[in-house]
Amino acid sequence: MPTISHGVIWDLDGVIIDSAAAHWQSWQHLATETGVTLTEANFRATFGMRNADIIPRYWPTTSAAEVQRLADRKEALYRDIVRADAQALPGALDLLRDLHTAGWHQALGSSAPLENIRLIIDVLALGGYLDAAVSGEDAEQGKPAPDIFLAAARALGLAPANCLVIEDAVHGVQAARAAGMRCIAVTNGHPNRELAIADRVVTSLTEVSVATITEILS
């Protein structure tokens, strides 16, 4: 049985919420507005990373202020899209509820800006299940560095070894490994061999239960 010394750290995009299309649309809008060519391959290669790490790859700027301006615009576009049509992924809300009922500590550990995280928590009514939420703004380095997940563990008051991360992106799984945490990778029907470094790879969170997580952390 889990004790108060165990916790689950959730990624947000692609784990709790089906947001890939909304992110891709918002990046496309930003690229069109600014005259930059951005391919879907570019988007997928950086999924799960912070905007501050993505924008300098594809936009011709080294100005921190300009990077922030572009990031703010992209996220405003994203929030407009997702606010109207936020959908939880299969199994996510059930697992959040079941873990909460069983006494597990839970946190979000996402590269997303805090404003995005608060929006999704509100729209999907996640607040009652979560003890903490850590954003990309709370970490010195984004995924695949472990900073976000280590900050989430600190927020829960837990040792990294007693935390399990649920992720969908390669950068996120790498971050969980770097943090010394167990990890479940969710493919959402898009298999990726690079996710195999996770402790368990599943197609959907409908395949994961409290018992599954207890077993992995045992």
N, C-alpha and C. Protein backbone atom coordinates (compact mmCIF):
# COMPACT_ATOMS: atom_id res chain seq x y z
N MET A 1 0.84 -1.21 0.00
CA MET A 1 0.00 0.00 0.00
C MET A 1 0.87 1.25 0.00
N PRO A 2 0.47 2.27 -0.71
CA PRO A 2 1.23 3.52 -0.69
C PRO A 2 1.12 4.20 0.66
N THR A 3 2.10 4.99 0.98
CA THR A 3 2.05 5.77 2.20
C THR A 3 2.16 7.24 1.81
N ILE A 4 2.19 8.09 2.81
CA ILE A 4 2.31 9.52 2.52
C ILE A 4 3.67 9.86 1.93
N SER A 5 4.58 8.88 1.86
CA SER A 5 5.90 9.14 1.28
C SER A 5 5.96 8.84 -0.21
N HIS A 6 4.82 8.58 -0.84
CA HIS A 6 4.78 8.29 -2.26
C HIS A 6 3.94 9.32 -3.01
N GLY A 7 4.33 9.59 -4.25
CA GLY A 7 3.58 10.56 -5.02
C GLY A 7 3.68 10.32 -6.52
N VAL A 8 2.75 10.91 -7.23
CA VAL A 8 2.72 10.86 -8.70
C VAL A 8 2.83 12.28 -9.22
N ILE A 9 3.74 12.48 -10.17
CA ILE A 9 3.92 13.77 -10.82
C ILE A 9 3.45 13.64 -12.26
N TRP A 10 2.48 14.43 -12.60
CA TRP A 10 1.85 14.38 -13.91
C TRP A 10 2.40 15.45 -14.84
N ASP A 11 2.76 15.05 -16.06
CA ASP A 11 2.87 16.03 -17.12
C ASP A 11 1.44 16.43 -17.48
N LEU A 12 1.28 17.52 -18.19
CA LEU A 12 -0.06 18.01 -18.51
C LEU A 12 -0.44 17.75 -19.96
N ASP A 13 0.28 18.38 -20.87
CA ASP A 13 -0.06 18.28 -22.30
C ASP A 13 0.25 16.88 -22.82
N GLY A 14 -0.76 16.23 -23.39
CA GLY A 14 -0.58 14.90 -23.94
C GLY A 14 -0.69 13.80 -22.92
N VAL A 15 -0.90 14.16 -21.65
CA VAL A 15 -1.09 13.16 -20.59
C VAL A 15 -2.47 13.32 -19.97
N ILE A 16 -2.77 14.52 -19.48
CA ILE A 16 -4.09 14.80 -18.93
C ILE A 16 -5.01 15.38 -19.99
N ILE A 17 -4.47 16.28 -20.80
CA ILE A 17 -5.30 16.96 -21.80
C ILE A 17 -4.77 16.68 -23.20
N ASP A 18 -5.71 16.50 -24.11
CA ASP A 18 -5.37 16.28 -25.52
C ASP A 18 -5.13 17.64 -26.17
N SER A 19 -3.88 18.11 -26.08
CA SER A 19 -3.59 19.50 -26.46
C SER A 19 -2.65 19.63 -27.65
N ALA A 20 -2.19 18.52 -28.20
CA ALA A 20 -1.19 18.60 -29.28
C ALA A 20 -1.70 19.42 -30.45
N ALA A 21 -2.95 19.19 -30.86
CA ALA A 21 -3.49 19.92 -32.01
C ALA A 21 -3.57 21.42 -31.72
N ALA A 22 -3.98 21.78 -30.50
CA ALA A 22 -4.08 23.19 -30.14
C ALA A 22 -2.71 23.86 -30.11
N HIS A 23 -1.71 23.13 -29.61
CA HIS A 23 -0.35 23.69 -29.62
C HIS A 23 0.16 23.86 -31.05
N TRP A 24 -0.06 22.87 -31.89
CA TRP A 24 0.39 22.95 -33.27
C TRP A 24 -0.29 24.11 -33.99
N GLN A 25 -1.59 24.27 -33.78
CA GLN A 25 -2.31 25.38 -34.41
C GLN A 25 -1.76 26.73 -33.95
N SER A 26 -1.48 26.84 -32.66
CA SER A 26 -0.99 28.12 -32.14
C SER A 26 0.42 28.42 -32.65
N TRP A 27 1.26 27.41 -32.77
CA TRP A 27 2.59 27.63 -33.36
C TRP A 27 2.47 28.02 -34.83
N GLN A 28 1.55 27.37 -35.55
CA GLN A 28 1.34 27.72 -36.96
C GLN A 28 0.90 29.18 -37.11
N HIS A 29 -0.04 29.59 -36.25
CA HIS A 29 -0.51 30.98 -36.29
C HIS A 29 0.65 31.95 -36.04
N LEU A 30 1.46 31.63 -35.03
CA LEU A 30 2.58 32.51 -34.71
C LEU A 30 3.58 32.56 -35.86
N ALA A 31 3.87 31.41 -36.46
CA ALA A 31 4.81 31.37 -37.58
C ALA A 31 4.30 32.19 -38.75
N THR A 32 3.00 32.08 -39.03
CA THR A 32 2.41 32.85 -40.13
C THR A 32 2.48 34.34 -39.85
N GLU A 33 2.17 34.72 -38.62
CA GLU A 33 2.20 36.14 -38.24
C GLU A 33 3.60 36.75 -38.37
N THR A 34 4.61 35.93 -38.14
CA THR A 34 5.97 36.45 -38.07
C THR A 34 6.82 36.08 -39.29
N GLY A 35 6.21 35.39 -40.26
CA GLY A 35 6.92 35.06 -41.49
C GLY A 35 7.98 34.00 -41.34
N VAL A 36 7.77 33.08 -40.40
CA VAL A 36 8.72 31.99 -40.15
C VAL A 36 8.15 30.68 -40.68
N THR A 37 8.99 29.85 -41.26
CA THR A 37 8.56 28.52 -41.71
C THR A 37 8.75 27.54 -40.57
N LEU A 38 7.68 26.88 -40.17
CA LEU A 38 7.73 25.90 -39.09
C LEU A 38 7.01 24.65 -39.56
N THR A 39 7.69 23.52 -39.57
CA THR A 39 7.08 22.28 -40.03
C THR A 39 6.54 21.47 -38.86
N GLU A 40 5.67 20.53 -39.17
CA GLU A 40 5.16 19.66 -38.11
C GLU A 40 6.29 18.83 -37.51
N ALA A 41 7.29 18.48 -38.30
CA ALA A 41 8.44 17.76 -37.78
C ALA A 41 9.20 18.61 -36.76
N ASN A 42 9.33 19.91 -37.04
CA ASN A 42 9.94 20.83 -36.07
C ASN A 42 9.16 20.82 -34.77
N PHE A 43 7.83 20.88 -34.90
CA PHE A 43 6.95 20.91 -33.73
C PHE A 43 7.12 19.64 -32.90
N ARG A 44 7.09 18.49 -33.56
CA ARG A 44 7.16 17.22 -32.83
C ARG A 44 8.53 17.02 -32.18
N ALA A 45 9.56 17.55 -32.81
CA ALA A 45 10.91 17.39 -32.27
C ALA A 45 11.11 18.14 -30.96
N THR A 46 10.29 19.15 -30.73
CA THR A 46 10.46 19.99 -29.53
C THR A 46 9.28 19.87 -28.57
N PHE A 47 8.36 18.95 -28.82
CA PHE A 47 7.18 18.83 -27.96
C PHE A 47 7.61 18.47 -26.55
N GLY A 48 7.08 19.19 -25.58
CA GLY A 48 7.45 18.97 -24.18
C GLY A 48 8.53 19.91 -23.68
N MET A 49 9.14 20.67 -24.58
CA MET A 49 10.17 21.63 -24.18
C MET A 49 9.54 22.99 -23.88
N ARG A 50 10.30 23.85 -23.21
CA ARG A 50 9.82 25.19 -22.90
C ARG A 50 9.94 26.09 -24.13
N ASN A 51 9.05 27.07 -24.20
CA ASN A 51 9.09 28.02 -25.32
C ASN A 51 10.45 28.72 -25.42
N ALA A 52 11.03 29.02 -24.27
CA ALA A 52 12.32 29.72 -24.26
C ALA A 52 13.42 28.89 -24.92
N ASP A 53 13.23 27.57 -24.97
CA ASP A 53 14.20 26.70 -25.63
C ASP A 53 13.81 26.41 -27.08
N ILE A 54 12.52 26.53 -27.40
CA ILE A 54 12.04 26.24 -28.75
C ILE A 54 12.25 27.42 -29.69
N ILE A 55 11.84 28.60 -29.26
CA ILE A 55 11.80 29.76 -30.15
C ILE A 55 13.16 30.10 -30.76
N PRO A 56 14.27 30.09 -30.00
CA PRO A 56 15.55 30.41 -30.63
C PRO A 56 15.99 29.43 -31.71
N ARG A 57 15.40 28.23 -31.72
CA ARG A 57 15.74 27.26 -32.76
C ARG A 57 15.20 27.68 -34.13
N TYR A 58 14.03 28.32 -34.14
CA TYR A 58 13.33 28.54 -35.40
C TYR A 58 13.05 30.01 -35.71
N TRP A 59 13.19 30.88 -34.72
CA TRP A 59 13.00 32.32 -34.94
C TRP A 59 14.35 33.01 -34.88
N PRO A 60 14.62 33.93 -35.80
CA PRO A 60 15.94 34.56 -35.88
C PRO A 60 16.12 35.67 -34.84
N THR A 61 16.16 35.28 -33.58
CA THR A 61 16.35 36.27 -32.52
C THR A 61 17.16 35.68 -31.39
N THR A 62 17.99 36.49 -30.78
CA THR A 62 18.71 36.09 -29.58
C THR A 62 18.32 36.98 -28.41
N SER A 63 17.35 37.85 -28.63
CA SER A 63 16.90 38.78 -27.60
C SER A 63 15.94 38.07 -26.64
N ALA A 64 16.28 38.08 -25.37
CA ALA A 64 15.41 37.45 -24.37
C ALA A 64 14.04 38.11 -24.35
N ALA A 65 14.01 39.43 -24.52
CA ALA A 65 12.73 40.14 -24.51
C ALA A 65 11.87 39.75 -25.70
N GLU A 66 12.49 39.58 -26.87
CA GLU A 66 11.74 39.18 -28.06
C GLU A 66 11.26 37.73 -27.95
N VAL A 67 12.10 36.87 -27.41
CA VAL A 67 11.69 35.48 -27.18
C VAL A 67 10.48 35.44 -26.26
N GLN A 68 10.50 36.24 -25.20
CA GLN A 68 9.38 36.27 -24.27
C GLN A 68 8.12 36.82 -24.93
N ARG A 69 8.28 37.85 -25.77
CA ARG A 69 7.13 38.41 -26.48
C ARG A 69 6.49 37.37 -27.40
N LEU A 70 7.31 36.65 -28.13
CA LEU A 70 6.80 35.60 -29.02
C LEU A 70 6.14 34.48 -28.22
N ALA A 71 6.76 34.11 -27.11
CA ALA A 71 6.20 33.06 -26.26
C ALA A 71 4.85 33.47 -25.70
N ASP A 72 4.75 34.71 -25.25
CA ASP A 72 3.48 35.20 -24.70
C ASP A 72 2.38 35.19 -25.77
N ARG A 73 2.74 35.58 -26.98
CA ARG A 73 1.76 35.59 -28.07
C ARG A 73 1.32 34.17 -28.41
N LYS A 74 2.28 33.27 -28.49
CA LYS A 74 1.93 31.87 -28.80
C LYS A 74 0.99 31.30 -27.75
N GLU A 75 1.26 31.55 -26.49
CA GLU A 75 0.43 30.98 -25.42
C GLU A 75 -0.95 31.64 -25.37
N ALA A 76 -1.04 32.91 -25.71
CA ALA A 76 -2.36 33.55 -25.79
C ALA A 76 -3.20 32.90 -26.89
N LEU A 77 -2.57 32.62 -28.03
CA LEU A 77 -3.26 31.92 -29.11
C LEU A 77 -3.70 30.53 -28.65
N TYR A 78 -2.81 29.83 -27.96
CA TYR A 78 -3.14 28.49 -27.45
C TYR A 78 -4.32 28.53 -26.50
N ARG A 79 -4.31 29.46 -25.56
CA ARG A 79 -5.40 29.51 -24.58
C ARG A 79 -6.74 29.81 -25.24
N ASP A 80 -6.73 30.65 -26.26
CA ASP A 80 -7.97 30.93 -26.98
C ASP A 80 -8.54 29.66 -27.61
N ILE A 81 -7.65 28.82 -28.13
CA ILE A 81 -8.08 27.57 -28.78
C ILE A 81 -8.56 26.56 -27.75
N VAL A 82 -7.75 26.33 -26.72
CA VAL A 82 -8.04 25.23 -25.80
C VAL A 82 -9.18 25.57 -24.84
N ARG A 83 -9.37 26.84 -24.55
CA ARG A 83 -10.44 27.24 -23.63
C ARG A 83 -11.81 26.79 -24.15
N ALA A 84 -11.95 26.81 -25.46
CA ALA A 84 -13.24 26.47 -26.06
C ALA A 84 -13.45 24.97 -26.22
N ASP A 85 -12.36 24.18 -26.11
CA ASP A 85 -12.52 22.76 -26.43
C ASP A 85 -11.51 21.90 -25.69
N ALA A 86 -11.41 22.07 -24.38
CA ALA A 86 -10.48 21.26 -23.59
C ALA A 86 -11.07 19.88 -23.35
N GLN A 87 -10.31 18.85 -23.72
CA GLN A 87 -10.77 17.47 -23.56
C GLN A 87 -9.73 16.68 -22.78
N ALA A 88 -10.18 16.02 -21.71
CA ALA A 88 -9.28 15.14 -20.97
C ALA A 88 -9.05 13.87 -21.77
N LEU A 89 -7.84 13.34 -21.69
CA LEU A 89 -7.52 12.10 -22.38
C LEU A 89 -8.10 10.91 -21.63
N PRO A 90 -8.39 9.81 -22.33
CA PRO A 90 -9.02 8.64 -21.71
C PRO A 90 -8.23 8.15 -20.49
N GLY A 91 -8.95 7.94 -19.40
CA GLY A 91 -8.36 7.38 -18.20
C GLY A 91 -7.71 8.37 -17.26
N ALA A 92 -7.44 9.59 -17.72
CA ALA A 92 -6.69 10.54 -16.88
C ALA A 92 -7.48 10.96 -15.65
N LEU A 93 -8.70 11.39 -15.83
CA LEU A 93 -9.48 11.88 -14.68
C LEU A 93 -9.80 10.74 -13.71
N ASP A 94 -10.06 9.55 -14.24
CA ASP A 94 -10.33 8.41 -13.36
C ASP A 94 -9.11 8.08 -12.51
N LEU A 95 -7.92 8.11 -13.12
CA LEU A 95 -6.71 7.78 -12.37
C LEU A 95 -6.38 8.87 -11.35
N LEU A 96 -6.54 10.12 -11.71
CA LEU A 96 -6.36 11.21 -10.75
C LEU A 96 -7.27 11.01 -9.54
N ARG A 97 -8.53 10.71 -9.79
CA ARG A 97 -9.50 10.51 -8.72
C ARG A 97 -9.13 9.30 -7.86
N ASP A 98 -8.77 8.19 -8.50
CA ASP A 98 -8.47 6.97 -7.76
C ASP A 98 -7.22 7.13 -6.89
N LEU A 99 -6.21 7.80 -7.42
CA LEU A 99 -5.00 8.05 -6.63
C LEU A 99 -5.31 8.95 -5.44
N HIS A 100 -6.11 9.97 -5.66
CA HIS A 100 -6.50 10.87 -4.58
C HIS A 100 -7.26 10.10 -3.50
N THR A 101 -8.20 9.27 -3.91
CA THR A 101 -8.99 8.49 -2.97
C THR A 101 -8.10 7.55 -2.16
N ALA A 102 -7.05 7.02 -2.80
CA ALA A 102 -6.15 6.08 -2.14
C ALA A 102 -5.09 6.78 -1.28
N GLY A 103 -5.10 8.11 -1.27
CA GLY A 103 -4.20 8.84 -0.40
C GLY A 103 -2.86 9.24 -0.97
N TRP A 104 -2.71 9.13 -2.28
CA TRP A 104 -1.46 9.51 -2.91
C TRP A 104 -1.35 11.04 -3.02
N HIS A 105 -0.11 11.53 -2.87
CA HIS A 105 0.17 12.93 -3.20
C HIS A 105 0.31 13.04 -4.71
N GLN A 106 -0.20 14.15 -5.27
CA GLN A 106 -0.11 14.35 -6.72
C GLN A 106 0.25 15.79 -7.04
N ALA A 107 1.08 15.95 -8.07
CA ALA A 107 1.47 17.28 -8.54
C ALA A 107 1.52 17.29 -10.05
N LEU A 108 1.36 18.47 -10.61
CA LEU A 108 1.65 18.67 -12.02
C LEU A 108 3.09 19.14 -12.14
N GLY A 109 3.80 18.61 -13.14
CA GLY A 109 5.15 19.05 -13.44
C GLY A 109 5.25 19.27 -14.93
N SER A 110 4.92 20.47 -15.37
CA SER A 110 4.75 20.75 -16.80
C SER A 110 5.66 21.87 -17.27
N SER A 111 6.09 21.77 -18.52
CA SER A 111 6.85 22.86 -19.14
C SER A 111 5.99 24.07 -19.46
N ALA A 112 4.68 23.90 -19.39
CA ALA A 112 3.74 24.96 -19.76
C ALA A 112 3.85 26.16 -18.82
N PRO A 113 3.51 27.35 -19.31
CA PRO A 113 3.43 28.52 -18.42
C PRO A 113 2.35 28.32 -17.36
N LEU A 114 2.54 28.95 -16.22
CA LEU A 114 1.60 28.77 -15.11
C LEU A 114 0.18 29.18 -15.49
N GLU A 115 0.04 30.21 -16.32
CA GLU A 115 -1.30 30.64 -16.73
C GLU A 115 -2.04 29.54 -17.49
N ASN A 116 -1.32 28.79 -18.32
CA ASN A 116 -1.93 27.66 -19.02
C ASN A 116 -2.35 26.57 -18.04
N ILE A 117 -1.47 26.29 -17.10
CA ILE A 117 -1.75 25.24 -16.12
C ILE A 117 -2.99 25.60 -15.31
N ARG A 118 -3.07 26.84 -14.86
CA ARG A 118 -4.24 27.26 -14.08
C ARG A 118 -5.52 27.16 -14.90
N LEU A 119 -5.43 27.49 -16.19
CA LEU A 119 -6.61 27.39 -17.05
C LEU A 119 -7.11 25.96 -17.13
N ILE A 120 -6.21 25.01 -17.35
CA ILE A 120 -6.62 23.61 -17.49
C ILE A 120 -7.11 23.06 -16.16
N ILE A 121 -6.46 23.42 -15.07
CA ILE A 121 -6.94 22.99 -13.75
C ILE A 121 -8.37 23.45 -13.53
N ASP A 122 -8.65 24.67 -13.94
CA ASP A 122 -10.00 25.23 -13.78
C ASP A 122 -11.00 24.57 -14.72
N VAL A 123 -10.66 24.47 -16.00
CA VAL A 123 -11.59 23.94 -17.00
C VAL A 123 -11.93 22.48 -16.73
N LEU A 124 -10.93 21.68 -16.32
CA LEU A 124 -11.16 20.25 -16.08
C LEU A 124 -11.42 19.93 -14.61
N ALA A 125 -11.48 20.96 -13.76
CA ALA A 125 -11.77 20.78 -12.33
C ALA A 125 -10.80 19.79 -11.68
N LEU A 126 -9.51 20.05 -11.83
CA LEU A 126 -8.48 19.17 -11.29
C LEU A 126 -8.01 19.55 -9.89
N GLY A 127 -8.38 20.73 -9.44
CA GLY A 127 -7.81 21.27 -8.21
C GLY A 127 -7.96 20.38 -7.00
N GLY A 128 -9.06 19.66 -6.89
CA GLY A 128 -9.28 18.81 -5.74
C GLY A 128 -8.38 17.60 -5.66
N TYR A 129 -7.71 17.27 -6.76
CA TYR A 129 -6.85 16.09 -6.79
C TYR A 129 -5.37 16.42 -6.57
N LEU A 130 -4.99 17.68 -6.73
CA LEU A 130 -3.58 18.05 -6.79
C LEU A 130 -3.12 18.76 -5.52
N ASP A 131 -1.89 18.44 -5.11
CA ASP A 131 -1.26 19.10 -3.98
C ASP A 131 -0.33 20.23 -4.40
N ALA A 132 0.09 20.21 -5.66
CA ALA A 132 1.04 21.22 -6.14
C ALA A 132 1.01 21.26 -7.66
N ALA A 133 1.47 22.37 -8.21
CA ALA A 133 1.63 22.51 -9.66
C ALA A 133 2.90 23.30 -9.92
N VAL A 134 3.80 22.71 -10.68
CA VAL A 134 5.08 23.32 -11.02
C VAL A 134 5.11 23.56 -12.52
N SER A 135 5.47 24.77 -12.91
CA SER A 135 5.51 25.14 -14.33
C SER A 135 6.95 25.30 -14.81
N GLY A 136 7.09 25.48 -16.11
CA GLY A 136 8.41 25.75 -16.66
C GLY A 136 9.03 27.01 -16.12
N GLU A 137 8.19 27.91 -15.60
CA GLU A 137 8.68 29.16 -15.03
C GLU A 137 9.35 28.96 -13.67
N ASP A 138 9.13 27.78 -13.08
CA ASP A 138 9.67 27.50 -11.75
C ASP A 138 11.02 26.80 -11.79
N ALA A 139 11.54 26.54 -12.99
CA ALA A 139 12.76 25.76 -13.12
C ALA A 139 13.81 26.53 -13.91
N GLU A 140 15.06 26.35 -13.52
CA GLU A 140 16.14 27.02 -14.24
C GLU A 140 16.30 26.44 -15.63
N GLN A 141 16.18 25.12 -15.73
CA GLN A 141 16.29 24.45 -17.02
C GLN A 141 15.04 23.63 -17.29
N GLY A 142 14.62 23.59 -18.55
CA GLY A 142 13.46 22.80 -18.92
C GLY A 142 13.83 21.35 -19.21
N LYS A 143 12.82 20.53 -19.46
CA LYS A 143 13.04 19.14 -19.85
C LYS A 143 13.84 19.12 -21.15
N PRO A 144 14.82 18.21 -21.30
CA PRO A 144 15.02 16.97 -20.55
C PRO A 144 15.83 17.10 -19.26
N ALA A 145 16.21 18.30 -18.85
CA ALA A 145 16.81 18.46 -17.52
C ALA A 145 15.76 18.10 -16.46
N PRO A 146 16.18 17.64 -15.30
CA PRO A 146 15.23 17.15 -14.29
C PRO A 146 14.60 18.22 -13.42
N ASP A 147 14.93 19.49 -13.64
CA ASP A 147 14.57 20.56 -12.70
C ASP A 147 13.09 20.62 -12.36
N ILE A 148 12.23 20.51 -13.37
CA ILE A 148 10.79 20.65 -13.13
C ILE A 148 10.29 19.54 -12.22
N PHE A 149 10.72 18.31 -12.47
CA PHE A 149 10.25 17.19 -11.65
C PHE A 149 10.85 17.23 -10.25
N LEU A 150 12.10 17.65 -10.14
CA LEU A 150 12.69 17.78 -8.80
C LEU A 150 11.98 18.87 -8.00
N ALA A 151 11.60 19.96 -8.67
CA ALA A 151 10.84 21.01 -7.98
C ALA A 151 9.48 20.49 -7.54
N ALA A 152 8.86 19.65 -8.36
CA ALA A 152 7.56 19.08 -7.99
C ALA A 152 7.70 18.16 -6.78
N ALA A 153 8.76 17.36 -6.75
CA ALA A 153 8.99 16.48 -5.59
C ALA A 153 9.19 17.31 -4.33
N ARG A 154 9.95 18.39 -4.44
CA ARG A 154 10.14 19.27 -3.27
C ARG A 154 8.82 19.87 -2.82
N ALA A 155 7.99 20.26 -3.78
CA ALA A 155 6.69 20.84 -3.43
C ALA A 155 5.81 19.84 -2.70
N LEU A 156 5.98 18.56 -3.02
CA LEU A 156 5.22 17.51 -2.34
C LEU A 156 5.89 17.06 -1.05
N GLY A 157 7.13 17.48 -0.83
CA GLY A 157 7.87 17.05 0.35
C GLY A 157 8.32 15.61 0.27
N LEU A 158 8.60 15.14 -0.95
CA LEU A 158 8.94 13.73 -1.16
C LEU A 158 10.32 13.57 -1.76
N ALA A 159 10.94 12.43 -1.46
CA ALA A 159 12.21 12.08 -2.10
C ALA A 159 11.95 11.71 -3.55
N PRO A 160 12.83 12.07 -4.48
CA PRO A 160 12.63 11.72 -5.89
C PRO A 160 12.40 10.23 -6.11
N ALA A 161 13.09 9.39 -5.37
CA ALA A 161 12.95 7.95 -5.55
C ALA A 161 11.56 7.45 -5.19
N ASN A 162 10.79 8.24 -4.46
CA ASN A 162 9.43 7.86 -4.08
C ASN A 162 8.37 8.47 -4.99
N CYS A 163 8.82 9.02 -6.10
CA CYS A 163 7.88 9.64 -7.05
C CYS A 163 7.86 8.89 -8.37
N LEU A 164 6.69 8.83 -8.95
CA LEU A 164 6.52 8.28 -10.30
C LEU A 164 5.98 9.38 -11.20
N VAL A 165 6.59 9.51 -12.37
CA VAL A 165 6.18 10.52 -13.35
C VAL A 165 5.35 9.86 -14.44
N ILE A 166 4.30 10.55 -14.88
CA ILE A 166 3.52 10.11 -16.04
C ILE A 166 3.77 11.11 -17.15
N GLU A 167 4.31 10.63 -18.27
CA GLU A 167 4.77 11.49 -19.37
C GLU A 167 4.34 10.92 -20.71
N ASP A 168 4.39 11.76 -21.73
CA ASP A 168 4.14 11.29 -23.09
C ASP A 168 5.25 11.66 -24.05
N ALA A 169 6.16 12.54 -23.64
CA ALA A 169 7.20 13.04 -24.52
C ALA A 169 8.56 12.47 -24.14
N VAL A 170 9.40 12.25 -25.14
CA VAL A 170 10.74 11.72 -24.90
C VAL A 170 11.51 12.62 -23.95
N HIS A 171 11.44 13.94 -24.17
CA HIS A 171 12.16 14.86 -23.28
C HIS A 171 11.68 14.72 -21.84
N GLY A 172 10.40 14.47 -21.65
CA GLY A 172 9.86 14.31 -20.31
C GLY A 172 10.31 13.02 -19.65
N VAL A 173 10.33 11.93 -20.41
CA VAL A 173 10.81 10.65 -19.87
C VAL A 173 12.29 10.78 -19.50
N GLN A 174 13.06 11.43 -20.35
CA GLN A 174 14.47 11.66 -20.04
C GLN A 174 14.63 12.48 -18.77
N ALA A 175 13.77 13.48 -18.59
CA ALA A 175 13.81 14.31 -17.39
C ALA A 175 13.49 13.49 -16.14
N ALA A 176 12.50 12.61 -16.25
CA ALA A 176 12.15 11.76 -15.11
C ALA A 176 13.32 10.85 -14.74
N ARG A 177 13.96 10.28 -15.74
CA ARG A 177 15.11 9.42 -15.48
C ARG A 177 16.25 10.22 -14.83
N ALA A 178 16.48 11.43 -15.35
CA ALA A 178 17.55 12.26 -14.79
C ALA A 178 17.25 12.66 -13.35
N ALA A 179 15.97 12.73 -13.00
CA ALA A 179 15.56 13.08 -11.64
C ALA A 179 15.63 11.89 -10.69
N GLY A 180 15.89 10.70 -11.22
CA GLY A 180 15.93 9.50 -10.39
C GLY A 180 14.56 8.99 -10.02
N MET A 181 13.57 9.24 -10.89
CA MET A 181 12.19 8.85 -10.64
C MET A 181 11.76 7.73 -11.58
N ARG A 182 10.79 6.96 -11.14
CA ARG A 182 10.14 5.98 -12.01
C ARG A 182 9.25 6.71 -13.00
N CYS A 183 8.90 6.03 -14.09
CA CYS A 183 8.15 6.72 -15.13
C CYS A 183 7.25 5.78 -15.91
N ILE A 184 6.04 6.23 -16.17
CA ILE A 184 5.13 5.59 -17.12
C ILE A 184 5.02 6.51 -18.33
N ALA A 185 5.23 5.96 -19.52
CA ALA A 185 5.10 6.72 -20.76
C ALA A 185 3.81 6.33 -21.45
N VAL A 186 3.06 7.33 -21.88
CA VAL A 186 1.78 7.13 -22.58
C VAL A 186 1.97 7.50 -24.04
N THR A 187 1.69 6.56 -24.95
CA THR A 187 1.91 6.84 -26.37
C THR A 187 0.71 7.48 -27.05
N ASN A 188 -0.48 7.34 -26.46
CA ASN A 188 -1.70 7.87 -27.08
C ASN A 188 -1.86 7.40 -28.53
N GLY A 189 -1.45 6.15 -28.75
CA GLY A 189 -1.62 5.57 -30.08
C GLY A 189 -0.55 5.95 -31.08
N HIS A 190 0.51 6.64 -30.61
CA HIS A 190 1.61 7.04 -31.50
C HIS A 190 2.91 6.45 -30.96
N PRO A 191 3.18 5.17 -31.23
CA PRO A 191 4.35 4.50 -30.66
C PRO A 191 5.65 5.23 -30.99
N ASN A 192 6.54 5.26 -30.02
CA ASN A 192 7.84 5.90 -30.18
C ASN A 192 8.85 5.05 -29.43
N ARG A 193 9.78 4.46 -30.16
CA ARG A 193 10.73 3.56 -29.53
C ARG A 193 11.59 4.24 -28.48
N GLU A 194 11.75 5.56 -28.60
CA GLU A 194 12.56 6.28 -27.62
C GLU A 194 11.90 6.34 -26.25
N LEU A 195 10.59 6.08 -26.19
CA LEU A 195 9.89 6.06 -24.90
C LEU A 195 10.19 4.79 -24.10
N ALA A 196 10.87 3.84 -24.71
CA ALA A 196 11.11 2.55 -24.07
C ALA A 196 12.00 2.65 -22.84
N ILE A 197 12.64 3.79 -22.62
CA ILE A 197 13.44 3.95 -21.41
C ILE A 197 12.57 4.13 -20.17
N ALA A 198 11.27 4.32 -20.35
CA ALA A 198 10.35 4.39 -19.21
C ALA A 198 10.20 3.01 -18.57
N ASP A 199 9.73 2.98 -17.32
CA ASP A 199 9.50 1.70 -16.64
C ASP A 199 8.35 0.93 -17.25
N ARG A 200 7.38 1.66 -17.76
CA ARG A 200 6.21 1.04 -18.39
C ARG A 200 5.75 1.94 -19.52
N VAL A 201 5.43 1.35 -20.66
CA VAL A 201 4.89 2.10 -21.79
C VAL A 201 3.48 1.60 -22.06
N VAL A 202 2.52 2.52 -22.09
CA VAL A 202 1.12 2.15 -22.31
C VAL A 202 0.55 2.99 -23.45
N THR A 203 -0.48 2.47 -24.06
CA THR A 203 -1.14 3.19 -25.14
C THR A 203 -2.04 4.28 -24.58
N SER A 204 -2.65 4.01 -23.43
CA SER A 204 -3.63 4.92 -22.83
C SER A 204 -3.59 4.75 -21.32
N LEU A 205 -4.00 5.79 -20.61
CA LEU A 205 -4.06 5.69 -19.14
C LEU A 205 -5.17 4.77 -18.66
N THR A 206 -6.04 4.33 -19.55
CA THR A 206 -7.02 3.32 -19.16
C THR A 206 -6.33 2.01 -18.78
N GLU A 207 -5.06 1.85 -19.17
CA GLU A 207 -4.29 0.65 -18.84
C GLU A 207 -3.59 0.77 -17.49
N VAL A 208 -3.70 1.92 -16.83
CA VAL A 208 -2.95 2.17 -15.60
C VAL A 208 -3.92 2.31 -14.42
N SER A 209 -3.58 1.66 -13.31
CA SER A 209 -4.39 1.74 -12.09
C SER A 209 -3.48 2.10 -10.92
N VAL A 210 -4.09 2.32 -9.77
CA VAL A 210 -3.31 2.54 -8.55
C VAL A 210 -2.41 1.34 -8.29
N ALA A 211 -2.92 0.14 -8.56
CA ALA A 211 -2.12 -1.07 -8.36
C ALA A 211 -0.91 -1.09 -9.28
N THR A 212 -1.07 -0.63 -10.51
CA THR A 212 0.05 -0.57 -11.46
C THR A 212 1.17 0.30 -10.90
N ILE A 213 0.81 1.47 -10.41
CA ILE A 213 1.80 2.42 -9.91
C ILE A 213 2.45 1.89 -8.63
N THR A 214 1.65 1.28 -7.77
CA THR A 214 2.19 0.68 -6.55
C THR A 214 3.23 -0.38 -6.88
N GLU A 215 2.93 -1.20 -7.88
CA GLU A 215 3.86 -2.26 -8.30
C GLU A 215 5.17 -1.67 -8.82
N ILE A 216 5.09 -0.64 -9.64
CA ILE A 216 6.30 -0.05 -10.22
C ILE A 216 7.18 0.59 -9.14
N LEU A 217 6.56 1.17 -8.14
CA LEU A 217 7.32 1.83 -7.07
C LEU A 217 7.78 0.88 -5.97
N SER A 218 7.32 -0.37 -6.04
CA SER A 218 7.69 -1.34 -4.99
C SER A 218 9.16 -1.74 -5.10
